[in-house]
């Protein structure tokens, strides 16, 4: 338990800071409503059209590919930290992991997932 005490203290202090800031905003923040504040803000442009417009599947496909390769990097960090302990076995496992993802990238590339014509 003594190992986790600093983590618990950090989480408690973080929760306290968030609670105090939200409470202060609710108690002393301005509460003037206006029509302009109620409008949706679209990068400085006034909203136009329906919010339920259709997007190309390529947007979602790009997002999924980004997540897959982003998660790959997240999984490689612990491997890089423990590289000396893992030795050649760890290197082989990491190369298999990277190889599988590389095959997936080549497949997505050949299927045209990365083309934005």
PDB file of N, CA and C in Angstrom:
ATOM      1  N   UNK A   1       0.820  -1.201   0.000  1.00  0.00           N
ATOM      2  CA  UNK A   1       0.000   0.000   0.000  1.00  0.00           C
ATOM      3  C   UNK A   1       0.860   1.261   0.000  1.00  0.00           C
ATOM      4  N   UNK A   2       2.010   1.184   0.646  1.00  0.00           N
ATOM      5  CA  UNK A   2       2.859   2.378   0.727  1.00  0.00           C
ATOM      6  C   UNK A   2       3.428   2.765  -0.627  1.00  0.00           C
ATOM      7  N   UNK A   3       3.492   1.815  -1.563  1.00  0.00           N
ATOM      8  CA  UNK A   3       3.965   2.134  -2.910  1.00  0.00           C
ATOM      9  C   UNK A   3       2.936   3.001  -3.636  1.00  0.00           C
ATOM     10  N   UNK A   4       1.665   2.742  -3.396  1.00  0.00           N
ATOM     11  CA  UNK A   4       0.591   3.445  -4.091  1.00  0.00           C
ATOM     12  C   UNK A   4       0.179   4.742  -3.414  1.00  0.00           C
ATOM     13  N   UNK A   5       0.716   5.034  -2.245  1.00  0.00           N
ATOM     14  CA  UNK A   5       0.326   6.246  -1.529  1.00  0.00           C
ATOM     15  C   UNK A   5       0.575   7.527  -2.330  1.00  0.00           C
ATOM     16  N   UNK A   6       1.740   7.709  -2.972  1.00  0.00           N
ATOM     17  CA  UNK A   6       1.933   8.932  -3.776  1.00  0.00           C
ATOM     18  C   UNK A   6       0.932   9.044  -4.931  1.00  0.00           C
ATOM     19  N   UNK A   7       0.571   7.921  -5.523  1.00  0.00           N
ATOM     20  CA  UNK A   7      -0.405   7.954  -6.619  1.00  0.00           C
ATOM     21  C   UNK A   7      -1.763   8.385  -6.086  1.00  0.00           C
ATOM     22  N   UNK A   8      -2.164   7.837  -4.945  1.00  0.00           N
ATOM     23  CA  UNK A   8      -3.452   8.203  -4.348  1.00  0.00           C
ATOM     24  C   UNK A   8      -3.471   9.682  -3.934  1.00  0.00           C
ATOM     25  N   UNK A   9      -2.364  10.162  -3.400  1.00  0.00           N
ATOM     26  CA  UNK A   9      -2.292  11.582  -3.026  1.00  0.00           C
ATOM     27  C   UNK A   9      -2.406  12.458  -4.274  1.00  0.00           C
ATOM     28  N   UNK A  10      -1.735  12.087  -5.348  1.00  0.00           N
ATOM     29  CA  UNK A  10      -1.814  12.854  -6.595  1.00  0.00           C
ATOM     30  C   UNK A  10      -3.233  12.874  -7.134  1.00  0.00           C
ATOM     31  N   UNK A  11      -3.901  11.720  -7.145  1.00  0.00           N
ATOM     32  CA  UNK A  11      -5.287  11.664  -7.609  1.00  0.00           C
ATOM     33  C   UNK A  11      -6.206  12.492  -6.718  1.00  0.00           C
ATOM     34  N   UNK A  12      -6.005  12.442  -5.396  1.00  0.00           N
ATOM     35  CA  UNK A  12      -6.838  13.225  -4.480  1.00  0.00           C
ATOM     36  C   UNK A  12      -6.634  14.723  -4.690  1.00  0.00           C
ATOM     37  N   UNK A  13      -5.376  15.146  -4.839  1.00  0.00           N
ATOM     38  CA  UNK A  13      -5.102  16.571  -5.069  1.00  0.00           C
ATOM     39  C   UNK A  13      -5.694  17.011  -6.407  1.00  0.00           C
ATOM     40  N   UNK A  14      -5.554  16.177  -7.436  1.00  0.00           N
ATOM     41  CA  UNK A  14      -6.141  16.510  -8.736  1.00  0.00           C
ATOM     42  C   UNK A  14      -7.653  16.641  -8.660  1.00  0.00           C
ATOM     43  N   UNK A  15      -8.309  15.711  -7.970  1.00  0.00           N
ATOM     44  CA  UNK A  15      -9.769  15.777  -7.817  1.00  0.00           C
ATOM     45  C   UNK A  15     -10.172  17.018  -7.024  1.00  0.00           C
ATOM     46  N   UNK A  16      -9.391  17.345  -6.011  1.00  0.00           N
ATOM     47  CA  UNK A  16      -9.686  18.535  -5.213  1.00  0.00           C
ATOM     48  C   UNK A  16      -9.561  19.804  -6.050  1.00  0.00           C
ATOM     49  N   UNK A  17      -8.496  19.906  -6.839  1.00  0.00           N
ATOM     50  CA  UNK A  17      -8.301  21.087  -7.690  1.00  0.00           C
ATOM     51  C   UNK A  17      -9.446  21.216  -8.691  1.00  0.00           C
ATOM     52  N   UNK A  18      -9.834  20.119  -9.323  1.00  0.00           N
ATOM     53  CA  UNK A  18     -10.941  20.156 -10.290  1.00  0.00           C
ATOM     54  C   UNK A  18     -12.224  20.571  -9.596  1.00  0.00           C
ATOM     55  N   UNK A  19     -12.489  19.982  -8.432  1.00  0.00           N
ATOM     56  CA  UNK A  19     -13.714  20.324  -7.696  1.00  0.00           C
ATOM     57  C   UNK A  19     -13.759  21.783  -7.301  1.00  0.00           C
ATOM     58  N   UNK A  20     -12.631  22.315  -6.818  1.00  0.00           N
ATOM     59  CA  UNK A  20     -12.580  23.730  -6.413  1.00  0.00           C
ATOM     60  C   UNK A  20     -12.795  24.639  -7.620  1.00  0.00           C
ATOM     61  N   UNK A  21     -12.154  24.344  -8.739  1.00  0.00           N
ATOM     62  CA  UNK A  21     -12.299  25.211  -9.919  1.00  0.00           C
ATOM     63  C   UNK A  21     -13.716  25.181 -10.476  1.00  0.00           C
ATOM     64  N   UNK A  22     -14.322  24.020 -10.527  1.00  0.00           N
ATOM     65  CA  UNK A  22     -15.698  23.934 -11.028  1.00  0.00           C
ATOM     66  C   UNK A  22     -16.649  24.656 -10.074  1.00  0.00           C
ATOM     67  N   UNK A  23     -16.442  24.483  -8.785  1.00  0.00           N
ATOM     68  CA  UNK A  23     -17.298  25.154  -7.804  1.00  0.00           C
ATOM     69  C   UNK A  23     -17.140  26.663  -7.866  1.00  0.00           C
ATOM     70  N   UNK A  24     -15.901  27.138  -7.966  1.00  0.00           N
ATOM     71  CA  UNK A  24     -15.685  28.582  -8.066  1.00  0.00           C
ATOM     72  C   UNK A  24     -16.356  29.157  -9.305  1.00  0.00           C
ATOM     73  N   UNK A  25     -16.256  28.460 -10.406  1.00  0.00           N
ATOM     74  CA  UNK A  25     -16.902  28.924 -11.631  1.00  0.00           C
ATOM     75  C   UNK A  25     -18.416  28.978 -11.460  1.00  0.00           C
ATOM     76  N   UNK A  26     -18.982  27.993 -10.806  1.00  0.00           N
ATOM     77  CA  UNK A  26     -20.438  27.970 -10.620  1.00  0.00           C
ATOM     78  C   UNK A  26     -20.898  29.073  -9.679  1.00  0.00           C
ATOM     79  N   UNK A  27     -20.088  29.402  -8.657  1.00  0.00           N
ATOM     80  CA  UNK A  27     -20.516  30.398  -7.672  1.00  0.00           C
ATOM     81  C   UNK A  27     -20.208  31.826  -8.081  1.00  0.00           C
ATOM     82  N   UNK A  28     -19.026  32.102  -8.624  1.00  0.00           N
ATOM     83  CA  UNK A  28     -18.655  33.491  -8.877  1.00  0.00           C
ATOM     84  C   UNK A  28     -18.595  33.848 -10.354  1.00  0.00           C
ATOM     85  N   UNK A  29     -18.823  32.898 -11.245  1.00  0.00           N
ATOM     86  CA  UNK A  29     -18.785  33.188 -12.678  1.00  0.00           C
ATOM     87  C   UNK A  29     -19.994  33.973 -13.134  1.00  0.00           C
ATOM     88  N   UNK A  30     -19.855  34.750 -14.233  1.00  0.00           N
ATOM     89  CA  UNK A  30     -21.002  35.511 -14.742  1.00  0.00           C
ATOM     90  C   UNK A  30     -22.061  34.566 -15.312  1.00  0.00           C
ATOM     91  N   UNK A  31     -23.311  34.965 -15.164  1.00  0.00           N
ATOM     92  CA  UNK A  31     -24.420  34.126 -15.611  1.00  0.00           C
ATOM     93  C   UNK A  31     -25.363  34.890 -16.538  1.00  0.00           C
ATOM     94  N   UNK A  32     -24.827  35.749 -17.382  1.00  0.00           N
ATOM     95  CA  UNK A  32     -25.647  36.511 -18.308  1.00  0.00           C
ATOM     96  C   UNK A  32     -25.872  35.699 -19.581  1.00  0.00           C
ATOM     97  N   UNK A  33     -27.110  35.412 -19.879  1.00  0.00           N
ATOM     98  CA  UNK A  33     -27.464  34.665 -21.090  1.00  0.00           C
ATOM     99  C   UNK A  33     -27.683  35.661 -22.235  1.00  0.00           C
ATOM    100  N   UNK A  34     -27.347  35.238 -23.448  1.00  0.00           N
ATOM    101  CA  UNK A  34     -27.619  36.069 -24.621  1.00  0.00           C
ATOM    102  C   UNK A  34     -27.819  35.152 -25.822  1.00  0.00           C
ATOM    103  N   UNK A  35     -28.411  35.703 -26.859  1.00  0.00           N
ATOM    104  CA  UNK A  35     -28.673  34.914 -28.066  1.00  0.00           C
ATOM    105  C   UNK A  35     -27.372  34.507 -28.754  1.00  0.00           C
ATOM    106  N   UNK A  36     -26.362  35.382 -28.700  1.00  0.00           N
ATOM    107  CA  UNK A  36     -25.089  35.080 -29.358  1.00  0.00           C
ATOM    108  C   UNK A  36     -24.380  33.923 -28.654  1.00  0.00           C
ATOM    109  N   UNK A  37     -24.460  33.878 -27.324  1.00  0.00           N
ATOM    110  CA  UNK A  37     -23.802  32.796 -26.596  1.00  0.00           C
ATOM    111  C   UNK A  37     -24.458  31.446 -26.872  1.00  0.00           C
ATOM    112  N   UNK A  38     -25.714  31.450 -27.243  1.00  0.00           N
ATOM    113  CA  UNK A  38     -26.430  30.209 -27.504  1.00  0.00           C
ATOM    114  C   UNK A  38     -26.184  29.623 -28.884  1.00  0.00           C
ATOM    115  N   UNK A  39     -25.534  30.372 -29.782  1.00  0.00           N
ATOM    116  CA  UNK A  39     -25.280  29.871 -31.130  1.00  0.00           C
ATOM    117  C   UNK A  39     -24.115  28.889 -31.153  1.00  0.00           C
ATOM    118  N   UNK A  40     -24.184  27.954 -32.060  1.00  0.00           N
ATOM    119  CA  UNK A  40     -23.075  27.026 -32.244  1.00  0.00           C
ATOM    120  C   UNK A  40     -21.914  27.771 -32.899  1.00  0.00           C
ATOM    121  N   UNK A  41     -20.699  27.461 -32.493  1.00  0.00           N
ATOM    122  CA  UNK A  41     -19.524  28.139 -33.024  1.00  0.00           C
ATOM    123  C   UNK A  41     -18.780  27.176 -33.934  1.00  0.00           C
ATOM    124  N   UNK A  42     -18.652  27.540 -35.205  1.00  0.00           N
ATOM    125  CA  UNK A  42     -18.005  26.684 -36.200  1.00  0.00           C
ATOM    126  C   UNK A  42     -16.769  27.379 -36.755  1.00  0.00           C
ATOM    127  N   UNK A  43     -15.712  27.403 -36.011  1.00  0.00           N
ATOM    128  CA  UNK A  43     -14.430  27.949 -36.463  1.00  0.00           C
ATOM    129  C   UNK A  43     -14.554  29.382 -36.974  1.00  0.00           C
ATOM    130  N   UNK A  44     -15.365  30.168 -36.349  1.00  0.00           N
ATOM    131  CA  UNK A  44     -15.505  31.556 -36.739  1.00  0.00           C
ATOM    132  C   UNK A  44     -16.540  31.802 -37.823  1.00  0.00           C
ATOM    133  N   UNK A  45     -17.090  30.749 -38.398  1.00  0.00           N
ATOM    134  CA  UNK A  45     -18.099  30.891 -39.436  1.00  0.00           C
ATOM    135  C   UNK A  45     -19.488  30.664 -38.849  1.00  0.00           C
ATOM    136  N   UNK A  46     -20.467  31.408 -39.316  1.00  0.00           N
ATOM    137  CA  UNK A  46     -21.822  31.147 -38.826  1.00  0.00           C
ATOM    138  C   UNK A  46     -22.282  29.766 -39.298  1.00  0.00           C
ATOM    139  N   UNK A  47     -23.048  29.055 -38.473  1.00  0.00           N
ATOM    140  CA  UNK A  47     -23.493  27.723 -38.869  1.00  0.00           C
ATOM    141  C   UNK A  47     -24.384  27.781 -40.097  1.00  0.00           C
ATOM    142  N   UNK A  48     -24.216  26.811 -40.981  1.00  0.00           N
ATOM    143  CA  UNK A  48     -25.044  26.755 -42.186  1.00  0.00           C
ATOM    144  C   UNK A  48     -25.415  25.309 -42.469  1.00  0.00           C
ATOM    145  N   UNK A  49     -26.626  25.081 -42.819  1.00  0.00           N
ATOM    146  CA  UNK A  49     -27.062  23.735 -43.168  1.00  0.00           C
ATOM    147  C   UNK A  49     -27.315  22.869 -41.946  1.00  0.00           C
ATOM    148  N   UNK A  50     -27.628  21.632 -42.209  1.00  0.00           N
ATOM    149  CA  UNK A  50     -27.938  20.684 -41.160  1.00  0.00           C
ATOM    150  C   UNK A  50     -26.649  20.142 -40.529  1.00  0.00           C
ATOM    151  N   UNK A  51     -26.742  19.819 -39.273  1.00  0.00           N
ATOM    152  CA  UNK A  51     -25.595  19.221 -38.597  1.00  0.00           C
ATOM    153  C   UNK A  51     -25.486  17.728 -38.894  1.00  0.00           C
ATOM    154  N   UNK A  52     -26.455  17.192 -39.599  1.00  0.00           N
ATOM    155  CA  UNK A  52     -26.497  15.756 -39.883  1.00  0.00           C
ATOM    156  C   UNK A  52     -26.048  15.454 -41.312  1.00  0.00           C
ATOM    157  N   UNK A  53     -25.084  16.200 -41.816  1.00  0.00           N
ATOM    158  CA  UNK A  53     -24.568  15.956 -43.156  1.00  0.00           C
ATOM    159  C   UNK A  53     -23.801  14.648 -43.222  1.00  0.00           C
ATOM    160  N   UNK A  54     -23.731  14.068 -44.393  1.00  0.00           N
ATOM    161  CA  UNK A  54     -23.010  12.802 -44.570  1.00  0.00           C
ATOM    162  C   UNK A  54     -21.545  13.067 -44.845  1.00  0.00           C
ATOM    163  N   UNK A  55     -20.711  12.218 -44.291  1.00  0.00           N
ATOM    164  CA  UNK A  55     -19.277  12.276 -44.526  1.00  0.00           C
ATOM    165  C   UNK A  55     -18.863  11.049 -45.308  1.00  0.00           C
ATOM    166  N   UNK A  56     -17.800  11.188 -46.045  1.00  0.00           N
ATOM    167  CA  UNK A  56     -17.259  10.068 -46.790  1.00  0.00           C
ATOM    168  C   UNK A  56     -16.729   9.012 -45.824  1.00  0.00           C
ATOM    169  N   UNK A  57     -16.824   7.766 -46.222  1.00  0.00           N
ATOM    170  CA  UNK A  57     -16.306   6.668 -45.405  1.00  0.00           C
ATOM    171  C   UNK A  57     -14.799   6.805 -45.231  1.00  0.00           C
ATOM    172  N   UNK A  58     -14.134   7.471 -46.129  1.00  0.00           N
ATOM    173  CA  UNK A  58     -12.677   7.633 -46.043  1.00  0.00           C
ATOM    174  C   UNK A  58     -12.252   8.381 -44.780  1.00  0.00           C
ATOM    175  N   UNK A  59     -13.099   9.293 -44.286  1.00  0.00           N
ATOM    176  CA  UNK A  59     -12.776   9.981 -43.037  1.00  0.00           C
ATOM    177  C   UNK A  59     -12.691   8.974 -41.897  1.00  0.00           C
ATOM    178  N   UNK A  60     -13.684   8.089 -41.824  1.00  0.00           N
ATOM    179  CA  UNK A  60     -13.709   7.097 -40.752  1.00  0.00           C
ATOM    180  C   UNK A  60     -12.585   6.078 -40.923  1.00  0.00           C
ATOM    181  N   UNK A  61     -12.322   5.690 -42.150  1.00  0.00           N
ATOM    182  CA  UNK A  61     -11.250   4.741 -42.412  1.00  0.00           C
ATOM    183  C   UNK A  61      -9.897   5.329 -42.015  1.00  0.00           C
ATOM    184  N   UNK A  62      -9.697   6.593 -42.327  1.00  0.00           N
ATOM    185  CA  UNK A  62      -8.453   7.257 -41.936  1.00  0.00           C
ATOM    186  C   UNK A  62      -8.344   7.325 -40.417  1.00  0.00           C
ATOM    187  N   UNK A  63      -9.439   7.615 -39.744  1.00  0.00           N
ATOM    188  CA  UNK A  63      -9.421   7.669 -38.284  1.00  0.00           C
ATOM    189  C   UNK A  63      -9.092   6.308 -37.689  1.00  0.00           C
ATOM    190  N   UNK A  64      -9.660   5.254 -38.234  1.00  0.00           N
ATOM    191  CA  UNK A  64      -9.392   3.910 -37.726  1.00  0.00           C
ATOM    192  C   UNK A  64      -7.925   3.533 -37.966  1.00  0.00           C
ATOM    193  N   UNK A  65      -7.413   3.840 -39.148  1.00  0.00           N
ATOM    194  CA  UNK A  65      -6.006   3.542 -39.418  1.00  0.00           C
ATOM    195  C   UNK A  65      -5.091   4.327 -38.484  1.00  0.00           C
ATOM    196  N   UNK A  66      -5.442   5.581 -38.226  1.00  0.00           N
ATOM    197  CA  UNK A  66      -4.643   6.373 -37.289  1.00  0.00           C
ATOM    198  C   UNK A  66      -4.638   5.721 -35.910  1.00  0.00           C
ATOM    199  N   UNK A  67      -5.801   5.287 -35.434  1.00  0.00           N
ATOM    200  CA  UNK A  67      -5.866   4.654 -34.124  1.00  0.00           C
ATOM    201  C   UNK A  67      -5.043   3.370 -34.069  1.00  0.00           C
ATOM    202  N   UNK A  68      -5.117   2.561 -35.114  1.00  0.00           N
ATOM    203  CA  UNK A  68      -4.365   1.301 -35.136  1.00  0.00           C
ATOM    204  C   UNK A  68      -2.871   1.576 -35.029  1.00  0.00           C
ATOM    205  N   UNK A  69      -2.366   2.512 -35.807  1.00  0.00           N
ATOM    206  CA  UNK A  69      -0.931   2.755 -35.800  1.00  0.00           C
ATOM    207  C   UNK A  69      -0.504   3.585 -34.596  1.00  0.00           C
ATOM    208  N   UNK A  70      -1.416   4.345 -34.018  1.00  0.00           N
ATOM    209  CA  UNK A  70      -1.121   5.057 -32.784  1.00  0.00           C
ATOM    210  C   UNK A  70      -1.008   4.070 -31.627  1.00  0.00           C
ATOM    211  N   UNK A  71      -1.896   3.099 -31.586  1.00  0.00           N
ATOM    212  CA  UNK A  71      -1.837   2.066 -30.548  1.00  0.00           C
ATOM    213  C   UNK A  71      -0.572   1.228 -30.704  1.00  0.00           C
ATOM    214  N   UNK A  72      -0.133   1.038 -31.935  1.00  0.00           N
ATOM    215  CA  UNK A  72       1.125   0.320 -32.162  1.00  0.00           C
ATOM    216  C   UNK A  72       2.270   1.013 -31.434  1.00  0.00           C
ATOM    217  N   UNK A  73       2.338   2.303 -31.539  1.00  0.00           N
ATOM    218  CA  UNK A  73       3.407   3.056 -30.876  1.00  0.00           C
ATOM    219  C   UNK A  73       3.276   2.938 -29.365  1.00  0.00           C
ATOM    220  N   UNK A  74       2.053   2.962 -28.856  1.00  0.00           N
ATOM    221  CA  UNK A  74       1.844   2.835 -27.413  1.00  0.00           C
ATOM    222  C   UNK A  74       2.338   1.478 -26.922  1.00  0.00           C
ATOM    223  N   UNK A  75       2.116   0.424 -27.702  1.00  0.00           N
ATOM    224  CA  UNK A  75       2.576  -0.899 -27.297  1.00  0.00           C
ATOM    225  C   UNK A  75       4.095  -1.050 -27.428  1.00  0.00           C
ATOM    226  N   UNK A  76       4.718  -0.238 -28.244  1.00  0.00           N
ATOM    227  CA  UNK A  76       6.166  -0.347 -28.404  1.00  0.00           C
ATOM    228  C   UNK A  76       6.943   0.380 -27.300  1.00  0.00           C
ATOM    229  N   UNK A  77       6.330   1.312 -26.587  1.00  0.00           N
ATOM    230  CA  UNK A  77       7.029   2.015 -25.516  1.00  0.00           C
ATOM    231  C   UNK A  77       7.490   1.077 -24.398  1.00  0.00           C
ATOM    232  N   UNK A  78       6.615   0.219 -23.844  1.00  0.00           N
ATOM    233  CA  UNK A  78       7.112  -0.694 -22.799  1.00  0.00           C
ATOM    234  C   UNK A  78       8.204  -1.630 -23.321  1.00  0.00           C
ATOM    235  N   UNK A  79       8.088  -2.035 -24.557  1.00  0.00           N
ATOM    236  CA  UNK A  79       9.118  -2.891 -25.149  1.00  0.00           C
ATOM    237  C   UNK A  79      10.454  -2.143 -25.186  1.00  0.00           C
ATOM    238  N   UNK A  80      10.428  -0.878 -25.575  1.00  0.00           N
ATOM    239  CA  UNK A  80      11.659  -0.105 -25.661  1.00  0.00           C
ATOM    240  C   UNK A  80      12.277   0.114 -24.278  1.00  0.00           C
ATOM    241  N   UNK A  81      11.452   0.262 -23.270  1.00  0.00           N
ATOM    242  CA  UNK A  81      11.968   0.477 -21.916  1.00  0.00           C
ATOM    243  C   UNK A  81      12.646  -0.784 -21.389  1.00  0.00           C
ATOM    244  N   UNK A  82      12.080  -1.942 -21.698  1.00  0.00           N
ATOM    245  CA  UNK A  82      12.599  -3.210 -21.182  1.00  0.00           C
ATOM    246  C   UNK A  82      13.446  -3.962 -22.213  1.00  0.00           C
ATOM    247  N   UNK A  83      13.991  -3.281 -23.172  1.00  0.00           N
ATOM    248  CA  UNK A  83      14.699  -3.923 -24.277  1.00  0.00           C
ATOM    249  C   UNK A  83      15.863  -4.790 -23.798  1.00  0.00           C
ATOM    250  N   UNK A  84      16.658  -4.303 -22.865  1.00  0.00           N
ATOM    251  CA  UNK A  84      17.829  -5.065 -22.406  1.00  0.00           C
ATOM    252  C   UNK A  84      17.421  -6.349 -21.683  1.00  0.00           C
ATOM    253  N   UNK A  85      16.344  -6.311 -20.910  1.00  0.00           N
ATOM    254  CA  UNK A  85      15.885  -7.498 -20.199  1.00  0.00           C
ATOM    255  C   UNK A  85      15.305  -8.540 -21.151  1.00  0.00           C
ATOM    256  N   UNK A  86      14.616  -8.088 -22.186  1.00  0.00           N
ATOM    257  CA  UNK A  86      13.934  -9.011 -23.093  1.00  0.00           C
ATOM    258  C   UNK A  86      14.891  -9.731 -24.030  1.00  0.00           C
ATOM    259  N   UNK A  87      15.981  -9.107 -24.356  1.00  0.00           N
ATOM    260  CA  UNK A  87      16.990  -9.732 -25.204  1.00  0.00           C
ATOM    261  C   UNK A  87      16.486  -9.990 -26.623  1.00  0.00           C
ATOM    262  N   UNK A  88      17.035 -11.030 -27.220  1.00  0.00           N
ATOM    263  CA  UNK A  88      16.698 -11.349 -28.614  1.00  0.00           C
ATOM    264  C   UNK A  88      15.254 -11.835 -28.759  1.00  0.00           C
ATOM    265  N   UNK A  89      14.739 -12.514 -27.727  1.00  0.00           N
ATOM    266  CA  UNK A  89      13.355 -12.965 -27.787  1.00  0.00           C
ATOM    267  C   UNK A  89      12.404 -11.768 -27.893  1.00  0.00           C
ATOM    268  N   UNK A  90      12.642 -10.752 -27.079  1.00  0.00           N
ATOM    269  CA  UNK A  90      11.817  -9.543 -27.116  1.00  0.00           C
ATOM    270  C   UNK A  90      11.930  -8.822 -28.446  1.00  0.00           C
ATOM    271  N   UNK A  91      13.151  -8.804 -28.996  1.00  0.00           N
ATOM    272  CA  UNK A  91      13.347  -8.182 -30.299  1.00  0.00           C
ATOM    273  C   UNK A  91      12.556  -8.924 -31.370  1.00  0.00           C
ATOM    274  N   UNK A  92      12.604 -10.250 -31.320  1.00  0.00           N
ATOM    275  CA  UNK A  92      11.854 -11.047 -32.297  1.00  0.00           C
ATOM    276  C   UNK A  92      10.355 -10.824 -32.184  1.00  0.00           C
ATOM    277  N   UNK A  93       9.847 -10.789 -30.957  1.00  0.00           N
ATOM    278  CA  UNK A  93       8.414 -10.549 -30.752  1.00  0.00           C
ATOM    279  C   UNK A  93       8.007  -9.169 -31.275  1.00  0.00           C
ATOM    280  N   UNK A  94       8.816  -8.167 -31.015  1.00  0.00           N
ATOM    281  CA  UNK A  94       8.503  -6.819 -31.500  1.00  0.00           C
ATOM    282  C   UNK A  94       8.535  -6.774 -33.026  1.00  0.00           C
ATOM    283  N   UNK A  95       9.482  -7.464 -33.629  1.00  0.00           N
ATOM    284  CA  UNK A  95       9.559  -7.485 -35.093  1.00  0.00           C
ATOM    285  C   UNK A  95       8.350  -8.200 -35.696  1.00  0.00           C
ATOM    286  N   UNK A  96       7.886  -9.259 -35.054  1.00  0.00           N
ATOM    287  CA  UNK A  96       6.666  -9.939 -35.526  1.00  0.00           C
ATOM    288  C   UNK A  96       5.478  -8.978 -35.433  1.00  0.00           C
ATOM    289  N   UNK A  97       5.363  -8.270 -34.309  1.00  0.00           N
ATOM    290  CA  UNK A  97       4.276  -7.309 -34.118  1.00  0.00           C
ATOM    291  C   UNK A  97       4.315  -6.214 -35.182  1.00  0.00           C
ATOM    292  N   UNK A  98       5.488  -5.643 -35.401  1.00  0.00           N
ATOM    293  CA  UNK A  98       5.636  -4.586 -36.406  1.00  0.00           C
ATOM    294  C   UNK A  98       5.392  -5.152 -37.800  1.00  0.00           C
ATOM    295  N   UNK A  99       5.831  -6.370 -38.041  1.00  0.00           N
ATOM    296  CA  UNK A  99       5.606  -6.995 -39.352  1.00  0.00           C
ATOM    297  C   UNK A  99       4.134  -7.196 -39.657  1.00  0.00           C
ATOM    298  N   UNK A 100       3.367  -7.654 -38.680  1.00  0.00           N
ATOM    299  CA  UNK A 100       1.920  -7.839 -38.881  1.00  0.00           C
ATOM    300  C   UNK A 100       1.262  -6.500 -39.205  1.00  0.00           C
ATOM    301  N   UNK A 101       1.632  -5.467 -38.468  1.00  0.00           N
ATOM    302  CA  UNK A 101       1.046  -4.155 -38.746  1.00  0.00           C
ATOM    303  C   UNK A 101       1.513  -3.601 -40.088  1.00  0.00           C
ATOM    304  N   UNK A 102       2.736  -3.904 -40.476  1.00  0.00           N
ATOM    305  CA  UNK A 102       3.227  -3.464 -41.777  1.00  0.00           C
ATOM    306  C   UNK A 102       2.445  -4.137 -42.908  1.00  0.00           C
ATOM    307  N   UNK A 103       2.154  -5.423 -42.743  1.00  0.00           N
ATOM    308  CA  UNK A 103       1.330  -6.127 -43.737  1.00  0.00           C
ATOM    309  C   UNK A 103      -0.054  -5.482 -43.813  1.00  0.00           C
ATOM    310  N   UNK A 104      -0.612  -5.096 -42.663  1.00  0.00           N
ATOM    311  CA  UNK A 104      -1.897  -4.400 -42.662  1.00  0.00           C
ATOM    312  C   UNK A 104      -1.835  -3.058 -43.366  1.00  0.00           C
ATOM    313  N   UNK A 105      -0.739  -2.335 -43.178  1.00  0.00           N
ATOM    314  CA  UNK A 105      -0.563  -1.051 -43.865  1.00  0.00           C
ATOM    315  C   UNK A 105      -0.478  -1.249 -45.372  1.00  0.00           C
ATOM    316  N   UNK A 106       0.281  -2.246 -45.810  1.00  0.00           N
ATOM    317  CA  UNK A 106       0.395  -2.522 -47.245  1.00  0.00           C
ATOM    318  C   UNK A 106      -0.967  -2.899 -47.821  1.00  0.00           C
ATOM    319  N   UNK A 107      -1.728  -3.706 -47.084  1.00  0.00           N
ATOM    320  CA  UNK A 107      -3.065  -4.090 -47.536  1.00  0.00           C
ATOM    321  C   UNK A 107      -3.966  -2.866 -47.687  1.00  0.00           C
ATOM    322  N   UNK A 108      -3.962  -1.995 -46.669  1.00  0.00           N
ATOM    323  CA  UNK A 108      -4.792  -0.790 -46.736  1.00  0.00           C
ATOM    324  C   UNK A 108      -4.346   0.108 -47.879  1.00  0.00           C
ATOM    325  N   UNK A 109      -3.066   0.184 -48.110  1.00  0.00           N
ATOM    326  CA  UNK A 109      -2.528   1.009 -49.190  1.00  0.00           C
ATOM    327  C   UNK A 109      -2.979   0.467 -50.539  1.00  0.00           C
ATOM    328  N   UNK A 110      -2.874  -0.859 -50.728  1.00  0.00           N
ATOM    329  CA  UNK A 110      -3.282  -1.464 -52.002  1.00  0.00           C
ATOM    330  C   UNK A 110      -4.776  -1.343 -52.237  1.00  0.00           C
ATOM    331  N   UNK A 111      -5.567  -1.350 -51.183  1.00  0.00           N
ATOM    332  CA  UNK A 111      -7.018  -1.229 -51.324  1.00  0.00           C
ATOM    333  C   UNK A 111      -7.454   0.217 -51.564  1.00  0.00           C
ATOM    334  N   UNK A 112      -6.516   1.152 -51.494  1.00  0.00           N
ATOM    335  CA  UNK A 112      -6.831   2.561 -51.766  1.00  0.00           C
ATOM    336  C   UNK A 112      -7.315   3.326 -50.558  1.00  0.00           C
ATOM    337  N   UNK A 113      -7.079   2.808 -49.354  1.00  0.00           N
ATOM    338  CA  UNK A 113      -7.545   3.478 -48.160  1.00  0.00           C
ATOM    339  C   UNK A 113      -6.821   4.793 -47.903  1.00  0.00           C
ATOM    340  N   UNK A 114      -5.638   4.950 -48.475  1.00  0.00           N
ATOM    341  CA  UNK A 114      -4.860   6.154 -48.239  1.00  0.00           C
ATOM    342  C   UNK A 114      -4.933   7.146 -49.400  1.00  0.00           C
ATOM    343  N   UNK A 115      -5.701   6.831 -50.431  1.00  0.00           N
ATOM    344  CA  UNK A 115      -5.871   7.735 -51.581  1.00  0.00           C
ATOM    345  C   UNK A 115      -6.990   8.734 -51.310  1.00  0.00           C
ATOM    346  N   UNK A 116      -6.715  10.009 -51.575  1.00  0.00           N
ATOM    347  CA  UNK A 116      -7.705  11.060 -51.357  1.00  0.00           C
ATOM    348  C   UNK A 116      -8.061  11.748 -52.675  1.00  0.00           C
ATOM    349  N   UNK A 117      -8.349  10.994 -53.684  1.00  0.00           N
ATOM    350  CA  UNK A 117      -8.694  11.580 -54.983  1.00  0.00           C
ATOM    351  C   UNK A 117     -10.073  12.174 -54.969  1.00  0.00           C
TER     352      UNK A 117
END
